[in-house]
PDB file of N, CA and C in Angstrom:
ATOM      1  N   MET A   1       0.490  13.428  -5.097  1.00  0.00           N
ATOM      2  CA  MET A   1       0.222  12.075  -4.651  1.00  0.00           C
ATOM      3  C   MET A   1      -0.655  12.152  -3.413  1.00  0.00           C
ATOM      4  N   ARG A   2      -1.620  11.264  -3.359  1.00  0.00           N
ATOM      5  CA  ARG A   2      -2.514  11.201  -2.204  1.00  0.00           C
ATOM      6  C   ARG A   2      -2.540   9.766  -1.721  1.00  0.00           C
ATOM      7  N   ILE A   3      -2.238   9.564  -0.454  1.00  0.00           N
ATOM      8  CA  ILE A   3      -2.257   8.235   0.138  1.00  0.00           C
ATOM      9  C   ILE A   3      -3.263   8.255   1.278  1.00  0.00           C
ATOM     10  N   VAL A   4      -4.183   7.307   1.247  1.00  0.00           N
ATOM     11  CA  VAL A   4      -5.168   7.176   2.313  1.00  0.00           C
ATOM     12  C   VAL A   4      -4.878   5.867   3.019  1.00  0.00           C
ATOM     13  N   ILE A   5      -4.703   5.930   4.330  1.00  0.00           N
ATOM     14  CA  ILE A   5      -4.335   4.742   5.086  1.00  0.00           C
ATOM     15  C   ILE A   5      -5.394   4.457   6.135  1.00  0.00           C
ATOM     16  N   GLY A   6      -5.819   3.231   6.199  1.00  0.00           N
ATOM     17  CA  GLY A   6      -6.724   2.787   7.253  1.00  0.00           C
ATOM     18  C   GLY A   6      -6.150   1.511   7.819  1.00  0.00           C
ATOM     19  N   GLU A   7      -6.405   1.259   9.064  1.00  0.00           N
ATOM     20  CA  GLU A   7      -5.873   0.032   9.636  1.00  0.00           C
ATOM     21  C   GLU A   7      -6.913  -0.628  10.518  1.00  0.00           C
ATOM     22  N   THR A   8      -6.768  -1.919  10.660  1.00  0.00           N
ATOM     23  CA  THR A   8      -7.655  -2.672  11.520  1.00  0.00           C
ATOM     24  C   THR A   8      -7.180  -2.554  12.954  1.00  0.00           C
ATOM     25  N   VAL A   9      -8.001  -2.939  13.870  1.00  0.00           N
ATOM     26  CA  VAL A   9      -7.619  -2.929  15.278  1.00  0.00           C
ATOM     27  C   VAL A   9      -6.536  -3.976  15.484  1.00  0.00           C
ATOM     28  N   GLN A  10      -5.478  -3.592  16.162  1.00  0.00           N
ATOM     29  CA  GLN A  10      -4.362  -4.503  16.382  1.00  0.00           C
ATOM     30  C   GLN A  10      -4.733  -5.566  17.402  1.00  0.00           C
ATOM     31  N   ILE A  11      -4.499  -6.814  17.032  1.00  0.00           N
ATOM     32  CA  ILE A  11      -4.759  -7.933  17.922  1.00  0.00           C
ATOM     33  C   ILE A  11      -3.452  -8.694  18.077  1.00  0.00           C
ATOM     34  N   GLY A  12      -3.074  -8.976  19.297  1.00  0.00           N
ATOM     35  CA  GLY A  12      -1.836  -9.700  19.541  1.00  0.00           C
ATOM     36  C   GLY A  12      -0.682  -8.749  19.776  1.00  0.00           C
ATOM     37  N   PRO A  13       0.536  -9.297  19.835  1.00  0.00           N
ATOM     38  CA  PRO A  13       1.705  -8.469  20.132  1.00  0.00           C
ATOM     39  C   PRO A  13       2.004  -7.496  18.994  1.00  0.00           C
ATOM     40  N   ALA A  14       2.609  -6.367  19.337  1.00  0.00           N
ATOM     41  CA  ALA A  14       2.977  -5.368  18.337  1.00  0.00           C
ATOM     42  C   ALA A  14       4.093  -5.910  17.452  1.00  0.00           C
ATOM     43  N   ALA A  15       4.193  -5.352  16.258  1.00  0.00           N
ATOM     44  CA  ALA A  15       5.263  -5.759  15.351  1.00  0.00           C
ATOM     45  C   ALA A  15       6.610  -5.375  15.953  1.00  0.00           C
ATOM     46  N   PRO A  16       7.640  -6.185  15.730  1.00  0.00           N
ATOM     47  CA  PRO A  16       8.959  -5.847  16.276  1.00  0.00           C
ATOM     48  C   PRO A  16       9.482  -4.547  15.677  1.00  0.00           C
ATOM     49  N   TYR A  17      10.349  -3.870  16.435  1.00  0.00           N
ATOM     50  CA  TYR A  17      10.925  -2.611  15.978  1.00  0.00           C
ATOM     51  C   TYR A  17      11.729  -2.847  14.714  1.00  0.00           C
ATOM     52  N   ARG A  18      11.577  -1.957  13.763  1.00  0.00           N
ATOM     53  CA  ARG A  18      12.301  -2.041  12.499  1.00  0.00           C
ATOM     54  C   ARG A  18      12.935  -0.683  12.238  1.00  0.00           C
ATOM     55  N   PRO A  19      14.249  -0.630  12.036  1.00  0.00           N
ATOM     56  CA  PRO A  19      14.893   0.656  11.773  1.00  0.00           C
ATOM     57  C   PRO A  19      14.300   1.333  10.544  1.00  0.00           C
ATOM     58  N   GLU A  20      14.165   2.646  10.617  1.00  0.00           N
ATOM     59  CA  GLU A  20      13.607   3.409   9.511  1.00  0.00           C
ATOM     60  C   GLU A  20      14.489   3.253   8.283  1.00  0.00           C
ATOM     61  N   GLY A  21      13.869   3.081   7.130  1.00  0.00           N
ATOM     62  CA  GLY A  21      14.607   2.944   5.884  1.00  0.00           C
ATOM     63  C   GLY A  21      14.876   1.508   5.481  1.00  0.00           C
ATOM     64  N   GLU A  22      14.656   0.560   6.384  1.00  0.00           N
ATOM     65  CA  GLU A  22      14.860  -0.847   6.060  1.00  0.00           C
ATOM     66  C   GLU A  22      13.693  -1.322   5.194  1.00  0.00           C
ATOM     67  N   PRO A  23      13.974  -1.998   4.059  1.00  0.00           N
ATOM     68  CA  PRO A  23      12.881  -2.468   3.196  1.00  0.00           C
ATOM     69  C   PRO A  23      11.930  -3.400   3.941  1.00  0.00           C
ATOM     70  N   LEU A  24      10.668  -3.362   3.558  1.00  0.00           N
ATOM     71  CA  LEU A  24       9.646  -4.144   4.231  1.00  0.00           C
ATOM     72  C   LEU A  24       8.639  -4.653   3.213  1.00  0.00           C
ATOM     73  N   SER A  25       8.265  -5.910   3.305  1.00  0.00           N
ATOM     74  CA  SER A  25       7.211  -6.467   2.460  1.00  0.00           C
ATOM     75  C   SER A  25       5.954  -6.603   3.299  1.00  0.00           C
ATOM     76  N   VAL A  26       4.843  -6.125   2.762  1.00  0.00           N
ATOM     77  CA  VAL A  26       3.566  -6.190   3.455  1.00  0.00           C
ATOM     78  C   VAL A  26       2.524  -6.679   2.455  1.00  0.00           C
ATOM     79  N   GLU A  27       1.732  -7.668   2.856  1.00  0.00           N
ATOM     80  CA  GLU A  27       0.688  -8.178   1.980  1.00  0.00           C
ATOM     81  C   GLU A  27      -0.545  -7.287   2.075  1.00  0.00           C
ATOM     82  N   ALA A  28      -1.194  -7.074   0.939  1.00  0.00           N
ATOM     83  CA  ALA A  28      -2.394  -6.239   0.891  1.00  0.00           C
ATOM     84  C   ALA A  28      -3.432  -6.896  -0.006  1.00  0.00           C
ATOM     85  N   ARG A  29      -4.676  -6.483   0.169  1.00  0.00           N
ATOM     86  CA  ARG A  29      -5.781  -6.988  -0.653  1.00  0.00           C
ATOM     87  C   ARG A  29      -6.321  -5.831  -1.478  1.00  0.00           C
ATOM     88  N   LEU A  30      -6.543  -6.058  -2.750  1.00  0.00           N
ATOM     89  CA  LEU A  30      -7.059  -5.034  -3.649  1.00  0.00           C
ATOM     90  C   LEU A  30      -8.542  -4.819  -3.391  1.00  0.00           C
ATOM     91  N   LEU A  31      -8.921  -3.573  -3.111  1.00  0.00           N
ATOM     92  CA  LEU A  31     -10.321  -3.250  -2.876  1.00  0.00           C
ATOM     93  C   LEU A  31     -10.964  -2.606  -4.092  1.00  0.00           C
ATOM     94  N   GLU A  32     -10.207  -1.757  -4.791  1.00  0.00           N
ATOM     95  CA  GLU A  32     -10.781  -1.023  -5.920  1.00  0.00           C
ATOM     96  C   GLU A  32      -9.674  -0.602  -6.866  1.00  0.00           C
ATOM     97  N   ILE A  33      -9.990  -0.541  -8.160  1.00  0.00           N
ATOM     98  CA  ILE A  33      -9.084   0.001  -9.160  1.00  0.00           C
ATOM     99  C   ILE A  33      -9.914   0.845 -10.111  1.00  0.00           C
ATOM    100  N   ARG A  34      -9.403   2.014 -10.453  1.00  0.00           N
ATOM    101  CA  ARG A  34     -10.145   2.913 -11.335  1.00  0.00           C
ATOM    102  C   ARG A  34      -9.165   3.771 -12.117  1.00  0.00           C
ATOM    103  N   ASP A  35      -9.662   4.407 -13.175  1.00  0.00           N
ATOM    104  CA  ASP A  35      -8.847   5.355 -13.917  1.00  0.00           C
ATOM    105  C   ASP A  35      -8.665   6.601 -13.072  1.00  0.00           C
ATOM    106  N   ARG A  36      -7.561   7.293 -13.282  1.00  0.00           N
ATOM    107  CA  ARG A  36      -7.307   8.502 -12.507  1.00  0.00           C
ATOM    108  C   ARG A  36      -8.257   9.612 -12.934  1.00  0.00           C
ATOM    109  N   ARG A  37      -8.510  10.529 -12.037  1.00  0.00           N
ATOM    110  CA  ARG A  37      -9.326  11.692 -12.359  1.00  0.00           C
ATOM    111  C   ARG A  37      -8.429  12.732 -13.003  1.00  0.00           C
ATOM    112  N   GLU A  38      -9.008  13.561 -13.829  1.00  0.00           N
ATOM    113  CA  GLU A  38      -8.230  14.626 -14.462  1.00  0.00           C
ATOM    114  C   GLU A  38      -7.803  15.630 -13.404  1.00  0.00           C
ATOM    115  N   THR A  39      -6.501  15.881 -13.311  1.00  0.00           N
ATOM    116  CA  THR A  39      -5.973  16.872 -12.381  1.00  0.00           C
ATOM    117  C   THR A  39      -4.964  17.741 -13.099  1.00  0.00           C
ATOM    118  N   SER A  40      -4.562  18.796 -12.456  1.00  0.00           N
ATOM    119  CA  SER A  40      -3.589  19.704 -13.057  1.00  0.00           C
ATOM    120  C   SER A  40      -2.157  19.368 -12.645  1.00  0.00           C
ATOM    121  N   ASP A  41      -1.966  18.278 -11.893  1.00  0.00           N
ATOM    122  CA  ASP A  41      -0.616  17.897 -11.469  1.00  0.00           C
ATOM    123  C   ASP A  41       0.220  17.485 -12.674  1.00  0.00           C
ATOM    124  N   ALA A  42       1.369  18.113 -12.830  1.00  0.00           N
ATOM    125  CA  ALA A  42       2.236  17.820 -13.968  1.00  0.00           C
ATOM    126  C   ALA A  42       2.896  16.443 -13.843  1.00  0.00           C
ATOM    127  N   GLY A  43       3.030  15.918 -12.629  1.00  0.00           N
ATOM    128  CA  GLY A  43       3.709  14.647 -12.416  1.00  0.00           C
ATOM    129  C   GLY A  43       2.861  13.425 -12.689  1.00  0.00           C
ATOM    130  N   ASN A  44       1.562  13.591 -12.930  1.00  0.00           N
ATOM    131  CA  ASN A  44       0.681  12.443 -13.140  1.00  0.00           C
ATOM    132  C   ASN A  44       0.807  11.910 -14.557  1.00  0.00           C
ATOM    133  N   SER A  45       0.868  10.602 -14.681  1.00  0.00           N
ATOM    134  CA  SER A  45       0.914   9.951 -15.985  1.00  0.00           C
ATOM    135  C   SER A  45      -0.494   9.858 -16.551  1.00  0.00           C
ATOM    136  N   ILE A  46      -0.616  10.016 -17.857  1.00  0.00           N
ATOM    137  CA  ILE A  46      -1.932   9.908 -18.504  1.00  0.00           C
ATOM    138  C   ILE A  46      -2.487   8.499 -18.345  1.00  0.00           C
ATOM    139  N   SER A  47      -1.597   7.492 -18.352  1.00  0.00           N
ATOM    140  CA  SER A  47      -2.046   6.106 -18.244  1.00  0.00           C
ATOM    141  C   SER A  47      -2.134   5.632 -16.795  1.00  0.00           C
ATOM    142  N   GLY A  48      -1.971   6.525 -15.828  1.00  0.00           N
ATOM    143  CA  GLY A  48      -1.982   6.144 -14.416  1.00  0.00           C
ATOM    144  C   GLY A  48      -3.325   5.584 -13.980  1.00  0.00           C
ATOM    145  N   ARG A  49      -3.288   4.686 -13.021  1.00  0.00           N
ATOM    146  CA  ARG A  49      -4.486   4.112 -12.429  1.00  0.00           C
ATOM    147  C   ARG A  49      -4.436   4.358 -10.933  1.00  0.00           C
ATOM    148  N   VAL A  50      -5.586   4.398 -10.295  1.00  0.00           N
ATOM    149  CA  VAL A  50      -5.685   4.572  -8.851  1.00  0.00           C
ATOM    150  C   VAL A  50      -6.123   3.238  -8.266  1.00  0.00           C
ATOM    151  N   ILE A  51      -5.359   2.742  -7.289  1.00  0.00           N
ATOM    152  CA  ILE A  51      -5.746   1.498  -6.639  1.00  0.00           C
ATOM    153  C   ILE A  51      -5.939   1.751  -5.151  1.00  0.00           C
ATOM    154  N   THR A  52      -6.917   1.072  -4.578  1.00  0.00           N
ATOM    155  CA  THR A  52      -7.167   1.137  -3.140  1.00  0.00           C
ATOM    156  C   THR A  52      -6.826  -0.223  -2.570  1.00  0.00           C
ATOM    157  N   LEU A  53      -5.915  -0.231  -1.589  1.00  0.00           N
ATOM    158  CA  LEU A  53      -5.454  -1.467  -0.981  1.00  0.00           C
ATOM    159  C   LEU A  53      -5.831  -1.512   0.484  1.00  0.00           C
ATOM    160  N   LEU A  54      -6.098  -2.711   0.989  1.00  0.00           N
ATOM    161  CA  LEU A  54      -6.313  -2.922   2.407  1.00  0.00           C
ATOM    162  C   LEU A  54      -5.110  -3.689   2.941  1.00  0.00           C
ATOM    163  N   VAL A  55      -4.380  -3.067   3.864  1.00  0.00           N
ATOM    164  CA  VAL A  55      -3.237  -3.710   4.502  1.00  0.00           C
ATOM    165  C   VAL A  55      -3.724  -4.189   5.860  1.00  0.00           C
ATOM    166  N   SER A  56      -3.874  -5.509   5.995  1.00  0.00           N
ATOM    167  CA  SER A  56      -4.442  -6.042   7.237  1.00  0.00           C
ATOM    168  C   SER A  56      -3.499  -5.854   8.418  1.00  0.00           C
ATOM    169  N   GLU A  57      -2.207  -5.796   8.173  1.00  0.00           N
ATOM    170  CA  GLU A  57      -1.231  -5.557   9.239  1.00  0.00           C
ATOM    171  C   GLU A  57      -0.810  -4.085   9.179  1.00  0.00           C
ATOM    172  N   GLY A  58      -1.759  -3.205   9.435  1.00  0.00           N
ATOM    173  CA  GLY A  58      -1.549  -1.771   9.306  1.00  0.00           C
ATOM    174  C   GLY A  58      -0.442  -1.222  10.178  1.00  0.00           C
ATOM    175  N   GLN A  59      -0.123  -1.893  11.278  1.00  0.00           N
ATOM    176  CA  GLN A  59       0.937  -1.406  12.159  1.00  0.00           C
ATOM    177  C   GLN A  59       2.303  -1.511  11.495  1.00  0.00           C
ATOM    178  N   LYS A  60       2.417  -2.270  10.409  1.00  0.00           N
ATOM    179  CA  LYS A  60       3.694  -2.402   9.698  1.00  0.00           C
ATOM    180  C   LYS A  60       3.943  -1.243   8.735  1.00  0.00           C
ATOM    181  N   ILE A  61       2.933  -0.443   8.459  1.00  0.00           N
ATOM    182  CA  ILE A  61       3.110   0.697   7.557  1.00  0.00           C
ATOM    183  C   ILE A  61       3.937   1.755   8.287  1.00  0.00           C
ATOM    184  N   PRO A  62       5.013   2.232   7.667  1.00  0.00           N
ATOM    185  CA  PRO A  62       5.873   3.204   8.350  1.00  0.00           C
ATOM    186  C   PRO A  62       5.136   4.490   8.696  1.00  0.00           C
ATOM    187  N   ARG A  63       5.470   5.051   9.852  1.00  0.00           N
ATOM    188  CA  ARG A  63       4.905   6.346  10.217  1.00  0.00           C
ATOM    189  C   ARG A  63       5.434   7.390   9.253  1.00  0.00           C
ATOM    190  N   GLY A  64       4.607   8.339   8.883  1.00  0.00           N
ATOM    191  CA  GLY A  64       5.021   9.421   8.000  1.00  0.00           C
ATOM    192  C   GLY A  64       5.023   9.060   6.534  1.00  0.00           C
ATOM    193  N   ILE A  65       4.388   7.947   6.163  1.00  0.00           N
ATOM    194  CA  ILE A  65       4.384   7.538   4.762  1.00  0.00           C
ATOM    195  C   ILE A  65       3.661   8.565   3.877  1.00  0.00           C
ATOM    196  N   GLU A  66       2.711   9.289   4.454  1.00  0.00           N
ATOM    197  CA  GLU A  66       1.969  10.277   3.681  1.00  0.00           C
ATOM    198  C   GLU A  66       2.824  11.483   3.300  1.00  0.00           C
ATOM    199  N   SER A  67       4.037  11.576   3.839  1.00  0.00           N
ATOM    200  CA  SER A  67       4.932  12.701   3.523  1.00  0.00           C
ATOM    201  C   SER A  67       5.450  12.637   2.095  1.00  0.00           C
ATOM    202  N   GLY A  68       5.395  11.462   1.472  1.00  0.00           N
ATOM    203  CA  GLY A  68       5.923  11.305   0.121  1.00  0.00           C
ATOM    204  C   GLY A  68       7.412  11.007   0.099  1.00  0.00           C
ATOM    205  N   ASP A  69       8.024  10.799   1.267  1.00  0.00           N
ATOM    206  CA  ASP A  69       9.452  10.513   1.350  1.00  0.00           C
ATOM    207  C   ASP A  69       9.775   9.034   1.138  1.00  0.00           C
ATOM    208  N   TYR A  70       8.792   8.217   0.857  1.00  0.00           N
ATOM    209  CA  TYR A  70       8.991   6.785   0.653  1.00  0.00           C
ATOM    210  C   TYR A  70       8.699   6.423  -0.792  1.00  0.00           C
ATOM    211  N   ARG A  71       9.428   5.452  -1.296  1.00  0.00           N
ATOM    212  CA  ARG A  71       9.089   4.842  -2.578  1.00  0.00           C
ATOM    213  C   ARG A  71       8.323   3.574  -2.259  1.00  0.00           C
ATOM    214  N   ILE A  72       7.288   3.317  -3.024  1.00  0.00           N
ATOM    215  CA  ILE A  72       6.477   2.119  -2.818  1.00  0.00           C
ATOM    216  C   ILE A  72       6.520   1.317  -4.110  1.00  0.00           C
ATOM    217  N   TYR A  73       6.967   0.075  -4.011  1.00  0.00           N
ATOM    218  CA  TYR A  73       7.030  -0.818  -5.160  1.00  0.00           C
ATOM    219  C   TYR A  73       5.931  -1.855  -5.018  1.00  0.00           C
ATOM    220  N   LEU A  74       5.208  -2.101  -6.100  1.00  0.00           N
ATOM    221  CA  LEU A  74       4.150  -3.102  -6.077  1.00  0.00           C
ATOM    222  C   LEU A  74       4.637  -4.355  -6.801  1.00  0.00           C
ATOM    223  N   ARG A  75       4.336  -5.487  -6.229  1.00  0.00           N
ATOM    224  CA  ARG A  75       4.643  -6.781  -6.846  1.00  0.00           C
ATOM    225  C   ARG A  75       3.346  -7.562  -6.890  1.00  0.00           C
ATOM    226  N   PHE A  76       2.948  -7.969  -8.076  1.00  0.00           N
ATOM    227  CA  PHE A  76       1.694  -8.696  -8.236  1.00  0.00           C
ATOM    228  C   PHE A  76       1.988 -10.185  -8.366  1.00  0.00           C
ATOM    229  N   VAL A  77       1.379 -10.982  -7.493  1.00  0.00           N
ATOM    230  CA  VAL A  77       1.561 -12.432  -7.493  1.00  0.00           C
ATOM    231  C   VAL A  77       0.184 -13.058  -7.651  1.00  0.00           C
ATOM    232  N   HIS A  78       0.026 -13.873  -8.704  1.00  0.00           N
ATOM    233  CA  HIS A  78      -1.260 -14.528  -8.960  1.00  0.00           C
ATOM    234  C   HIS A  78      -1.546 -15.538  -7.860  1.00  0.00           C
ATOM    235  N   ARG A  79      -2.731 -15.465  -7.317  1.00  0.00           N
ATOM    236  CA  ARG A  79      -3.146 -16.406  -6.261  1.00  0.00           C
ATOM    237  C   ARG A  79      -3.588 -17.686  -6.944  1.00  0.00           C
ATOM    238  N   ARG A  80      -2.833 -18.753  -6.726  1.00  0.00           N
ATOM    239  CA  ARG A  80      -3.148 -20.047  -7.377  1.00  0.00           C
ATOM    240  C   ARG A  80      -4.129 -20.828  -6.518  1.00  0.00           C
ATOM    241  N   GLN A  81      -5.048 -21.487  -7.187  1.00  0.00           N
ATOM    242  CA  GLN A  81      -6.018 -22.310  -6.475  1.00  0.00           C
ATOM    243  C   GLN A  81      -5.421 -23.698  -6.260  1.00  0.00           C
ATOM    244  N   ALA A  82      -5.767 -24.293  -5.136  1.00  0.00           N
ATOM    245  CA  ALA A  82      -5.280 -25.635  -4.823  1.00  0.00           C
ATOM    246  C   ALA A  82      -5.863 -26.644  -5.797  1.00  0.00           C
ATOM    247  N   ARG A  83      -5.007 -27.542  -6.245  1.00  0.00           N
ATOM    248  CA  ARG A  83      -5.469 -28.587  -7.179  1.00  0.00           C
ATOM    249  C   ARG A  83      -5.952 -29.792  -6.402  1.00  0.00           C
ATOM    250  N   SER A  84      -6.971 -30.439  -6.925  1.00  0.00           N
ATOM    251  CA  SER A  84      -7.536 -31.623  -6.249  1.00  0.00           C
ATOM    252  C   SER A  84      -6.745 -32.859  -6.564  1.00  0.00           C
TER     253      SER A  84
END
């Protein structure tokens, strides 16, 4: 697994302290989606996809997430347009 994290410059007060292991919801914007590259990793699914997300509140991402010790669940919510 490879996780690439980038964050924007923090503006305003820092996020409140959150105990490690407590579930957290963070909104992200999809930047790119592509098919996975062929690798020799046995754990990769053939139908796997690679997505690149931008988390605007990057300070909410737990430290050490690149260690692989976290499970990440994705929830997709359709953005509805306002009706006139």
